[in-house]
N, C-alpha and C. Protein backbone atom coordinates (compact mmCIF):
# COMPACT_ATOMS: atom_id res chain seq x y z
N SER A 1 0.83 -1.21 0.00
CA SER A 1 0.00 0.00 0.00
C SER A 1 0.86 1.25 0.00
N ASN A 2 2.18 1.08 -0.01
CA ASN A 2 3.09 2.21 -0.05
C ASN A 2 2.83 3.18 1.09
N GLY A 3 2.37 2.64 2.23
CA GLY A 3 2.10 3.47 3.39
C GLY A 3 0.73 4.10 3.43
N HIS A 4 -0.05 3.94 2.38
CA HIS A 4 -1.40 4.50 2.34
C HIS A 4 -2.32 3.64 3.20
N LYS A 5 -2.97 4.30 4.17
CA LYS A 5 -3.87 3.59 5.08
C LYS A 5 -5.30 4.10 5.01
N TYR A 6 -5.48 5.29 4.46
CA TYR A 6 -6.78 5.95 4.51
C TYR A 6 -7.19 6.45 3.13
N PHE A 7 -8.48 6.65 2.97
CA PHE A 7 -8.94 7.41 1.82
C PHE A 7 -9.95 8.43 2.30
N LEU A 8 -9.85 9.61 1.72
CA LEU A 8 -10.73 10.73 2.04
C LEU A 8 -11.68 10.89 0.87
N VAL A 9 -12.97 10.92 1.16
CA VAL A 9 -14.00 10.91 0.13
C VAL A 9 -14.90 12.13 0.26
N ALA A 10 -15.20 12.75 -0.86
CA ALA A 10 -16.21 13.81 -0.92
C ALA A 10 -17.27 13.37 -1.92
N THR A 11 -18.54 13.44 -1.52
CA THR A 11 -19.65 13.03 -2.38
C THR A 11 -20.64 14.17 -2.51
N ASP A 12 -20.98 14.51 -3.74
CA ASP A 12 -22.04 15.48 -3.97
C ASP A 12 -23.37 14.77 -3.77
N TYR A 13 -24.21 15.31 -2.89
CA TYR A 13 -25.45 14.63 -2.53
C TYR A 13 -26.44 14.54 -3.69
N PHE A 14 -26.42 15.48 -4.62
CA PHE A 14 -27.37 15.44 -5.74
C PHE A 14 -26.90 14.51 -6.86
N THR A 15 -25.70 14.76 -7.38
CA THR A 15 -25.21 13.99 -8.54
C THR A 15 -24.59 12.66 -8.14
N LYS A 16 -24.20 12.54 -6.89
CA LYS A 16 -23.45 11.38 -6.37
C LYS A 16 -22.03 11.33 -6.93
N TRP A 17 -21.57 12.44 -7.49
CA TRP A 17 -20.19 12.53 -7.98
C TRP A 17 -19.26 12.41 -6.79
N VAL A 18 -18.17 11.67 -6.96
CA VAL A 18 -17.25 11.40 -5.87
C VAL A 18 -15.84 11.81 -6.24
N LYS A 19 -15.15 12.41 -5.31
CA LYS A 19 -13.72 12.69 -5.42
C LYS A 19 -13.05 11.97 -4.26
N VAL A 20 -11.90 11.36 -4.52
CA VAL A 20 -11.20 10.57 -3.50
C VAL A 20 -9.71 10.86 -3.56
N VAL A 21 -9.08 10.86 -2.41
CA VAL A 21 -7.63 10.90 -2.33
C VAL A 21 -7.21 9.84 -1.31
N THR A 22 -6.12 9.12 -1.61
CA THR A 22 -5.59 8.16 -0.65
C THR A 22 -4.48 8.84 0.14
N LEU A 23 -4.40 8.51 1.42
CA LEU A 23 -3.46 9.20 2.30
C LEU A 23 -2.72 8.22 3.21
N ARG A 24 -1.52 8.62 3.61
CA ARG A 24 -0.77 7.83 4.59
C ARG A 24 -1.24 8.17 6.01
N THR A 25 -1.52 9.44 6.22
CA THR A 25 -2.08 9.92 7.49
C THR A 25 -3.18 10.91 7.16
N VAL A 26 -4.06 11.14 8.12
CA VAL A 26 -5.13 12.11 7.90
C VAL A 26 -5.04 13.17 8.98
N GLU A 27 -4.77 14.38 8.55
CA GLU A 27 -4.72 15.52 9.47
C GLU A 27 -5.54 16.65 8.87
N GLY A 28 -5.81 17.65 9.68
CA GLY A 28 -6.64 18.76 9.24
C GLY A 28 -6.16 19.42 7.97
N HIS A 29 -4.86 19.61 7.83
CA HIS A 29 -4.34 20.28 6.62
C HIS A 29 -4.56 19.42 5.38
N HIS A 30 -4.57 18.09 5.52
CA HIS A 30 -4.87 17.22 4.37
C HIS A 30 -6.30 17.44 3.89
N VAL A 31 -7.22 17.53 4.84
CA VAL A 31 -8.63 17.72 4.50
C VAL A 31 -8.84 19.07 3.83
N VAL A 32 -8.26 20.11 4.40
CA VAL A 32 -8.41 21.45 3.84
C VAL A 32 -7.81 21.51 2.43
N SER A 33 -6.64 20.93 2.24
CA SER A 33 -6.01 20.90 0.92
C SER A 33 -6.88 20.13 -0.08
N PHE A 34 -7.40 18.99 0.33
CA PHE A 34 -8.28 18.19 -0.52
C PHE A 34 -9.51 18.98 -0.94
N ILE A 35 -10.16 19.63 0.01
CA ILE A 35 -11.36 20.42 -0.29
C ILE A 35 -11.02 21.56 -1.24
N HIS A 36 -9.92 22.24 -0.98
CA HIS A 36 -9.54 23.38 -1.82
C HIS A 36 -9.23 22.94 -3.25
N LYS A 37 -8.34 21.94 -3.40
CA LYS A 37 -7.91 21.50 -4.73
C LYS A 37 -8.99 20.76 -5.51
N ASN A 38 -9.71 19.87 -4.84
CA ASN A 38 -10.62 18.96 -5.54
C ASN A 38 -12.06 19.41 -5.59
N LEU A 39 -12.43 20.36 -4.75
CA LEU A 39 -13.82 20.82 -4.76
C LEU A 39 -13.91 22.29 -5.16
N LEU A 40 -13.32 23.16 -4.36
CA LEU A 40 -13.45 24.60 -4.62
C LEU A 40 -12.88 25.00 -5.98
N CYS A 41 -11.68 24.54 -6.29
CA CYS A 41 -11.03 24.95 -7.54
C CYS A 41 -11.57 24.24 -8.77
N ARG A 42 -12.35 23.19 -8.59
CA ARG A 42 -12.90 22.46 -9.74
C ARG A 42 -14.39 22.67 -9.93
N PHE A 43 -15.12 22.72 -8.82
CA PHE A 43 -16.58 22.75 -8.92
C PHE A 43 -17.21 23.98 -8.29
N GLY A 44 -16.41 24.79 -7.63
CA GLY A 44 -16.96 25.95 -6.96
C GLY A 44 -17.20 25.68 -5.48
N VAL A 45 -17.73 26.67 -4.83
CA VAL A 45 -17.92 26.62 -3.38
C VAL A 45 -19.25 25.94 -3.04
N PRO A 46 -19.21 24.88 -2.24
CA PRO A 46 -20.47 24.26 -1.83
C PRO A 46 -21.14 25.10 -0.75
N HIS A 47 -22.45 24.96 -0.65
CA HIS A 47 -23.17 25.67 0.42
C HIS A 47 -22.92 24.99 1.76
N ASN A 48 -22.86 23.66 1.73
CA ASN A 48 -22.73 22.88 2.96
C ASN A 48 -21.69 21.78 2.80
N ILE A 49 -21.08 21.43 3.92
CA ILE A 49 -20.23 20.25 4.02
C ILE A 49 -20.74 19.47 5.22
N VAL A 50 -20.88 18.16 5.04
CA VAL A 50 -21.28 17.29 6.14
C VAL A 50 -20.13 16.34 6.41
N SER A 51 -19.75 16.21 7.67
CA SER A 51 -18.67 15.29 8.03
C SER A 51 -18.94 14.70 9.40
N ASP A 52 -18.09 13.76 9.78
CA ASP A 52 -18.18 13.26 11.15
C ASP A 52 -17.41 14.21 12.06
N ASN A 53 -17.25 13.85 13.30
CA ASN A 53 -16.65 14.73 14.29
C ASN A 53 -15.16 14.50 14.53
N ARG A 54 -14.52 13.77 13.67
CA ARG A 54 -13.10 13.50 13.87
C ARG A 54 -12.29 14.79 13.79
N THR A 55 -11.15 14.77 14.44
CA THR A 55 -10.35 16.00 14.56
C THR A 55 -9.84 16.51 13.21
N HIS A 56 -9.69 15.65 12.22
CA HIS A 56 -9.22 16.15 10.92
C HIS A 56 -10.31 16.94 10.20
N PHE A 57 -11.57 16.84 10.67
CA PHE A 57 -12.65 17.67 10.13
C PHE A 57 -12.99 18.82 11.07
N LYS A 58 -12.83 18.60 12.33
CA LYS A 58 -13.24 19.57 13.35
C LYS A 58 -11.98 20.22 13.94
N ASN A 59 -11.49 21.26 13.25
CA ASN A 59 -10.26 21.92 13.68
C ASN A 59 -10.25 23.36 13.17
N GLU A 60 -9.27 24.10 13.58
CA GLU A 60 -9.20 25.52 13.25
C GLU A 60 -9.03 25.77 11.74
N LYS A 61 -8.23 24.96 11.08
CA LYS A 61 -8.03 25.14 9.62
C LYS A 61 -9.34 24.96 8.86
N MET A 62 -10.13 23.97 9.25
CA MET A 62 -11.44 23.77 8.61
C MET A 62 -12.37 24.93 8.92
N ARG A 63 -12.36 25.40 10.17
CA ARG A 63 -13.20 26.55 10.53
C ARG A 63 -12.83 27.77 9.69
N GLN A 64 -11.53 27.99 9.51
CA GLN A 64 -11.08 29.12 8.70
C GLN A 64 -11.52 28.98 7.24
N LEU A 65 -11.37 27.79 6.68
CA LEU A 65 -11.78 27.55 5.29
C LEU A 65 -13.28 27.81 5.14
N CYS A 66 -14.07 27.24 6.03
CA CYS A 66 -15.52 27.40 5.94
C CYS A 66 -15.93 28.86 6.14
N SER A 67 -15.27 29.54 7.04
CA SER A 67 -15.57 30.96 7.28
C SER A 67 -15.21 31.80 6.06
N LYS A 68 -14.04 31.55 5.50
CA LYS A 68 -13.56 32.32 4.35
C LYS A 68 -14.51 32.21 3.16
N TYR A 69 -15.04 31.00 2.91
CA TYR A 69 -15.89 30.77 1.74
C TYR A 69 -17.38 30.69 2.07
N HIS A 70 -17.73 31.02 3.31
CA HIS A 70 -19.13 31.03 3.76
C HIS A 70 -19.80 29.67 3.56
N ILE A 71 -19.09 28.63 3.96
CA ILE A 71 -19.59 27.26 3.88
C ILE A 71 -20.13 26.88 5.26
N THR A 72 -21.32 26.31 5.29
CA THR A 72 -21.87 25.80 6.54
C THR A 72 -21.38 24.37 6.72
N HIS A 73 -20.72 24.12 7.84
CA HIS A 73 -20.17 22.79 8.12
C HIS A 73 -21.06 22.11 9.15
N HIS A 74 -21.72 21.03 8.72
CA HIS A 74 -22.58 20.24 9.60
C HIS A 74 -21.81 19.01 10.05
N PHE A 75 -21.98 18.66 11.32
CA PHE A 75 -21.33 17.47 11.86
C PHE A 75 -22.39 16.43 12.20
N SER A 76 -22.13 15.18 11.81
CA SER A 76 -23.06 14.12 12.18
C SER A 76 -22.91 13.83 13.67
N ALA A 77 -23.93 13.23 14.24
CA ALA A 77 -23.90 12.92 15.67
C ALA A 77 -22.81 11.90 15.97
N PRO A 78 -22.08 12.09 17.06
CA PRO A 78 -21.04 11.12 17.42
C PRO A 78 -21.63 9.72 17.61
N TYR A 79 -20.88 8.72 17.19
CA TYR A 79 -21.27 7.31 17.34
C TYR A 79 -22.58 6.98 16.63
N TYR A 80 -22.94 7.76 15.61
CA TYR A 80 -24.15 7.50 14.84
C TYR A 80 -23.82 7.70 13.37
N PRO A 81 -23.16 6.70 12.74
CA PRO A 81 -22.72 6.87 11.35
C PRO A 81 -23.85 7.11 10.36
N GLN A 82 -25.08 6.70 10.69
CA GLN A 82 -26.21 6.92 9.80
C GLN A 82 -26.47 8.41 9.60
N GLY A 83 -26.02 9.24 10.53
CA GLY A 83 -26.18 10.68 10.41
C GLY A 83 -25.42 11.25 9.22
N ASN A 84 -24.44 10.52 8.76
CA ASN A 84 -23.66 10.90 7.59
C ASN A 84 -23.83 9.79 6.55
N GLY A 85 -25.08 9.44 6.31
CA GLY A 85 -25.44 8.28 5.52
C GLY A 85 -24.88 8.23 4.12
N GLN A 86 -24.87 9.37 3.41
CA GLN A 86 -24.35 9.37 2.03
C GLN A 86 -22.88 9.01 2.01
N ALA A 87 -22.10 9.56 2.92
CA ALA A 87 -20.68 9.25 2.98
C ALA A 87 -20.46 7.78 3.32
N GLU A 88 -21.22 7.27 4.27
CA GLU A 88 -21.09 5.87 4.65
C GLU A 88 -21.46 4.95 3.49
N ALA A 89 -22.52 5.28 2.77
CA ALA A 89 -22.94 4.47 1.62
C ALA A 89 -21.88 4.49 0.52
N THR A 90 -21.32 5.67 0.24
CA THR A 90 -20.28 5.79 -0.78
C THR A 90 -19.05 4.97 -0.39
N ASN A 91 -18.62 5.10 0.86
CA ASN A 91 -17.45 4.35 1.33
C ASN A 91 -17.68 2.85 1.19
N LYS A 92 -18.86 2.40 1.55
CA LYS A 92 -19.20 0.97 1.48
C LYS A 92 -19.11 0.47 0.03
N ILE A 93 -19.64 1.24 -0.91
CA ILE A 93 -19.60 0.85 -2.32
C ILE A 93 -18.16 0.84 -2.84
N LEU A 94 -17.39 1.88 -2.52
CA LEU A 94 -15.99 1.94 -2.97
C LEU A 94 -15.19 0.76 -2.43
N ILE A 95 -15.41 0.42 -1.17
CA ILE A 95 -14.70 -0.72 -0.57
C ILE A 95 -15.11 -2.02 -1.28
N ARG A 96 -16.39 -2.17 -1.57
CA ARG A 96 -16.87 -3.36 -2.27
C ARG A 96 -16.23 -3.46 -3.66
N ILE A 97 -16.14 -2.35 -4.37
CA ILE A 97 -15.50 -2.35 -5.70
C ILE A 97 -14.03 -2.71 -5.57
N LEU A 98 -13.35 -2.09 -4.60
CA LEU A 98 -11.92 -2.38 -4.39
C LEU A 98 -11.69 -3.85 -4.07
N GLU A 99 -12.56 -4.44 -3.27
CA GLU A 99 -12.41 -5.86 -2.93
C GLU A 99 -12.45 -6.74 -4.17
N ARG A 100 -13.16 -6.31 -5.19
CA ARG A 100 -13.27 -7.10 -6.42
C ARG A 100 -12.10 -6.88 -7.38
N ILE A 101 -11.47 -5.73 -7.32
CA ILE A 101 -10.42 -5.44 -8.32
C ILE A 101 -9.00 -5.46 -7.78
N VAL A 102 -8.84 -5.45 -6.47
CA VAL A 102 -7.50 -5.43 -5.88
C VAL A 102 -6.93 -6.84 -5.86
N GLU A 103 -5.72 -6.97 -6.37
CA GLU A 103 -5.08 -8.29 -6.43
C GLU A 103 -4.38 -8.63 -5.13
N THR A 104 -3.72 -7.68 -4.54
CA THR A 104 -3.09 -7.88 -3.24
C THR A 104 -3.55 -6.74 -2.34
N GLY A 105 -3.46 -6.96 -1.05
CA GLY A 105 -3.87 -5.92 -0.11
C GLY A 105 -2.99 -4.69 -0.19
N ARG A 106 -1.89 -4.80 -0.89
CA ARG A 106 -0.93 -3.70 -0.93
C ARG A 106 -1.13 -2.73 -2.08
N ASP A 107 -1.94 -3.09 -3.05
CA ASP A 107 -2.09 -2.20 -4.21
C ASP A 107 -3.43 -1.48 -4.26
N TRP A 108 -4.18 -1.49 -3.16
CA TRP A 108 -5.52 -0.89 -3.17
C TRP A 108 -5.47 0.58 -3.54
N HIS A 109 -4.47 1.32 -3.05
CA HIS A 109 -4.42 2.76 -3.33
C HIS A 109 -4.15 3.03 -4.81
N GLU A 110 -3.48 2.09 -5.50
CA GLU A 110 -3.23 2.25 -6.93
C GLU A 110 -4.47 1.94 -7.77
N LYS A 111 -5.40 1.19 -7.21
CA LYS A 111 -6.62 0.81 -7.92
C LYS A 111 -7.79 1.75 -7.60
N MET A 112 -7.58 2.69 -6.70
CA MET A 112 -8.67 3.57 -6.29
C MET A 112 -9.25 4.33 -7.48
N HIS A 113 -8.41 4.78 -8.41
CA HIS A 113 -8.94 5.51 -9.58
C HIS A 113 -9.86 4.62 -10.41
N ASN A 114 -9.56 3.31 -10.49
CA ASN A 114 -10.45 2.39 -11.21
C ASN A 114 -11.78 2.23 -10.48
N ALA A 115 -11.72 2.12 -9.17
CA ALA A 115 -12.95 2.01 -8.37
C ALA A 115 -13.78 3.27 -8.51
N LEU A 116 -13.12 4.40 -8.48
CA LEU A 116 -13.81 5.69 -8.61
C LEU A 116 -14.46 5.82 -9.99
N TRP A 117 -13.74 5.42 -11.02
CA TRP A 117 -14.27 5.45 -12.39
C TRP A 117 -15.50 4.56 -12.50
N ALA A 118 -15.42 3.35 -11.94
CA ALA A 118 -16.56 2.43 -11.97
C ALA A 118 -17.76 3.03 -11.25
N TYR A 119 -17.51 3.64 -10.11
CA TYR A 119 -18.59 4.25 -9.33
C TYR A 119 -19.25 5.39 -10.12
N CYS A 120 -18.44 6.27 -10.67
CA CYS A 120 -18.97 7.48 -11.32
C CYS A 120 -19.58 7.22 -12.70
N THR A 121 -19.33 6.05 -13.27
CA THR A 121 -19.92 5.74 -14.58
C THR A 121 -21.01 4.68 -14.49
N THR A 122 -21.46 4.39 -13.27
CA THR A 122 -22.54 3.43 -13.06
C THR A 122 -23.87 4.16 -12.96
N MET A 123 -24.86 3.65 -13.68
CA MET A 123 -26.19 4.24 -13.71
C MET A 123 -26.81 4.23 -12.31
N ARG A 124 -27.39 5.36 -11.94
CA ARG A 124 -28.13 5.48 -10.68
C ARG A 124 -29.61 5.47 -11.03
N THR A 125 -30.32 4.48 -10.56
CA THR A 125 -31.72 4.29 -10.92
C THR A 125 -32.63 5.47 -10.58
N PRO A 126 -32.58 6.03 -9.38
CA PRO A 126 -33.53 7.11 -9.06
C PRO A 126 -33.44 8.31 -10.00
N ILE A 127 -32.23 8.60 -10.50
CA ILE A 127 -32.07 9.76 -11.38
C ILE A 127 -31.87 9.36 -12.84
N ASN A 128 -31.77 8.05 -13.09
CA ASN A 128 -31.63 7.51 -14.44
C ASN A 128 -30.46 8.13 -15.20
N ALA A 129 -29.36 8.30 -14.50
CA ALA A 129 -28.15 8.86 -15.11
C ALA A 129 -26.95 8.43 -14.27
N THR A 130 -25.78 8.55 -14.85
CA THR A 130 -24.56 8.29 -14.08
C THR A 130 -24.12 9.61 -13.45
N PRO A 131 -23.36 9.55 -12.36
CA PRO A 131 -22.81 10.79 -11.80
C PRO A 131 -21.99 11.57 -12.84
N ALA A 132 -21.24 10.86 -13.67
CA ALA A 132 -20.43 11.52 -14.70
C ALA A 132 -21.30 12.28 -15.69
N GLU A 133 -22.43 11.70 -16.09
CA GLU A 133 -23.34 12.38 -17.01
C GLU A 133 -23.89 13.66 -16.39
N LEU A 134 -24.23 13.60 -15.13
CA LEU A 134 -24.78 14.78 -14.46
C LEU A 134 -23.74 15.88 -14.30
N VAL A 135 -22.51 15.50 -14.02
CA VAL A 135 -21.45 16.50 -13.83
C VAL A 135 -20.99 17.10 -15.16
N TYR A 136 -20.81 16.26 -16.18
CA TYR A 136 -20.27 16.73 -17.45
C TYR A 136 -21.33 17.05 -18.50
N GLY A 137 -22.57 16.67 -18.24
CA GLY A 137 -23.66 17.01 -19.15
C GLY A 137 -23.69 16.23 -20.44
N THR A 138 -23.00 15.12 -20.50
CA THR A 138 -22.97 14.28 -21.69
C THR A 138 -22.71 12.84 -21.28
N LYS A 139 -23.07 11.92 -22.15
CA LYS A 139 -22.78 10.51 -21.87
C LYS A 139 -21.28 10.27 -21.97
N VAL A 140 -20.78 9.46 -21.08
CA VAL A 140 -19.36 9.14 -21.06
C VAL A 140 -19.11 7.99 -22.03
N VAL A 141 -18.08 8.13 -22.85
CA VAL A 141 -17.69 7.05 -23.76
C VAL A 141 -16.78 6.12 -22.98
N LEU A 142 -17.26 4.93 -22.74
CA LEU A 142 -16.51 3.94 -21.98
C LEU A 142 -15.60 3.13 -22.89
N PRO A 143 -14.50 2.61 -22.37
CA PRO A 143 -13.61 1.80 -23.22
C PRO A 143 -14.33 0.65 -23.91
N LEU A 144 -15.30 0.04 -23.24
CA LEU A 144 -16.04 -1.05 -23.86
C LEU A 144 -16.79 -0.59 -25.10
N HIS A 145 -17.30 0.65 -25.08
CA HIS A 145 -18.01 1.17 -26.26
C HIS A 145 -17.06 1.31 -27.45
N VAL A 146 -15.82 1.62 -27.18
CA VAL A 146 -14.82 1.76 -28.24
C VAL A 146 -14.34 0.39 -28.70
N LEU A 147 -14.14 -0.52 -27.75
CA LEU A 147 -13.63 -1.85 -28.08
C LEU A 147 -14.66 -2.75 -28.74
N LYS A 148 -15.93 -2.55 -28.44
CA LYS A 148 -16.97 -3.43 -28.97
C LYS A 148 -16.96 -3.49 -30.50
N PRO A 149 -16.93 -2.36 -31.21
CA PRO A 149 -16.83 -2.44 -32.68
C PRO A 149 -15.55 -3.12 -33.14
N ALA A 150 -14.46 -2.89 -32.43
CA ALA A 150 -13.20 -3.53 -32.79
C ALA A 150 -13.29 -5.04 -32.59
N LEU A 151 -13.98 -5.47 -31.55
CA LEU A 151 -14.16 -6.90 -31.31
C LEU A 151 -14.97 -7.53 -32.44
N LYS A 152 -16.05 -6.85 -32.84
CA LYS A 152 -16.88 -7.37 -33.94
C LYS A 152 -16.07 -7.45 -35.23
N PHE A 153 -15.32 -6.39 -35.53
CA PHE A 153 -14.52 -6.34 -36.76
C PHE A 153 -13.46 -7.44 -36.75
N SER A 154 -12.78 -7.62 -35.62
CA SER A 154 -11.73 -8.63 -35.55
C SER A 154 -12.29 -10.03 -35.74
N SER A 155 -13.51 -10.28 -35.27
CA SER A 155 -14.11 -11.60 -35.47
C SER A 155 -14.51 -11.80 -36.94
N LEU A 156 -14.87 -10.73 -37.63
CA LEU A 156 -15.25 -10.83 -39.04
C LEU A 156 -14.05 -11.20 -39.92
N ILE A 157 -12.91 -10.61 -39.62
CA ILE A 157 -11.74 -10.89 -40.45
C ILE A 157 -10.81 -11.92 -39.79
N GLU A 158 -11.29 -12.49 -38.70
CA GLU A 158 -10.60 -13.56 -37.98
C GLU A 158 -9.20 -13.16 -37.54
N LEU A 159 -9.08 -11.98 -36.97
CA LEU A 159 -7.83 -11.52 -36.38
C LEU A 159 -8.00 -11.46 -34.88
N PRO A 160 -6.99 -11.86 -34.13
CA PRO A 160 -7.09 -11.66 -32.69
C PRO A 160 -6.99 -10.16 -32.39
N LEU A 161 -7.70 -9.74 -31.38
CA LEU A 161 -7.73 -8.32 -31.03
C LEU A 161 -6.35 -7.80 -30.66
N THR A 162 -5.45 -8.66 -30.24
CA THR A 162 -4.11 -8.23 -29.85
C THR A 162 -3.33 -7.65 -31.01
N GLN A 163 -3.78 -7.86 -32.24
CA GLN A 163 -3.07 -7.32 -33.40
C GLN A 163 -3.42 -5.87 -33.67
N TYR A 164 -4.36 -5.30 -32.95
CA TYR A 164 -4.73 -3.89 -33.16
C TYR A 164 -3.75 -2.98 -32.51
């Protein structure tokens, strides 16, 4: 795992779009940097942030960030993970995806981008769209969509796909 023990996840409650970073340690400055680089500078300022009560979320640097950008920071009730249900659900799904694609326990952090891609390109039934479609406003072209015609063509001319 190259020392990576944690992953920090941000989920947009409407689109279900997810941003993730893997970390060796989790401290307040990591959270603030993640929010600034991956949320504020890419998607704009959120009205609200919901987190648990751990010290890496509940600290002076986070208070300063939220104050500076007029973000309301809500904390879920201690010892009640359901209070932060969307985050818990996202984490559970990402872990389930990682369990299926990770070959050794040591390479999970290298596979996180694959898990994230799978999550963000999976259809969500209630909204009948993928998170990627909602964020980018267009259907995502998946590698399978590109390979499928090549697979059909290779079978027609009896060439193995490895020759492409």
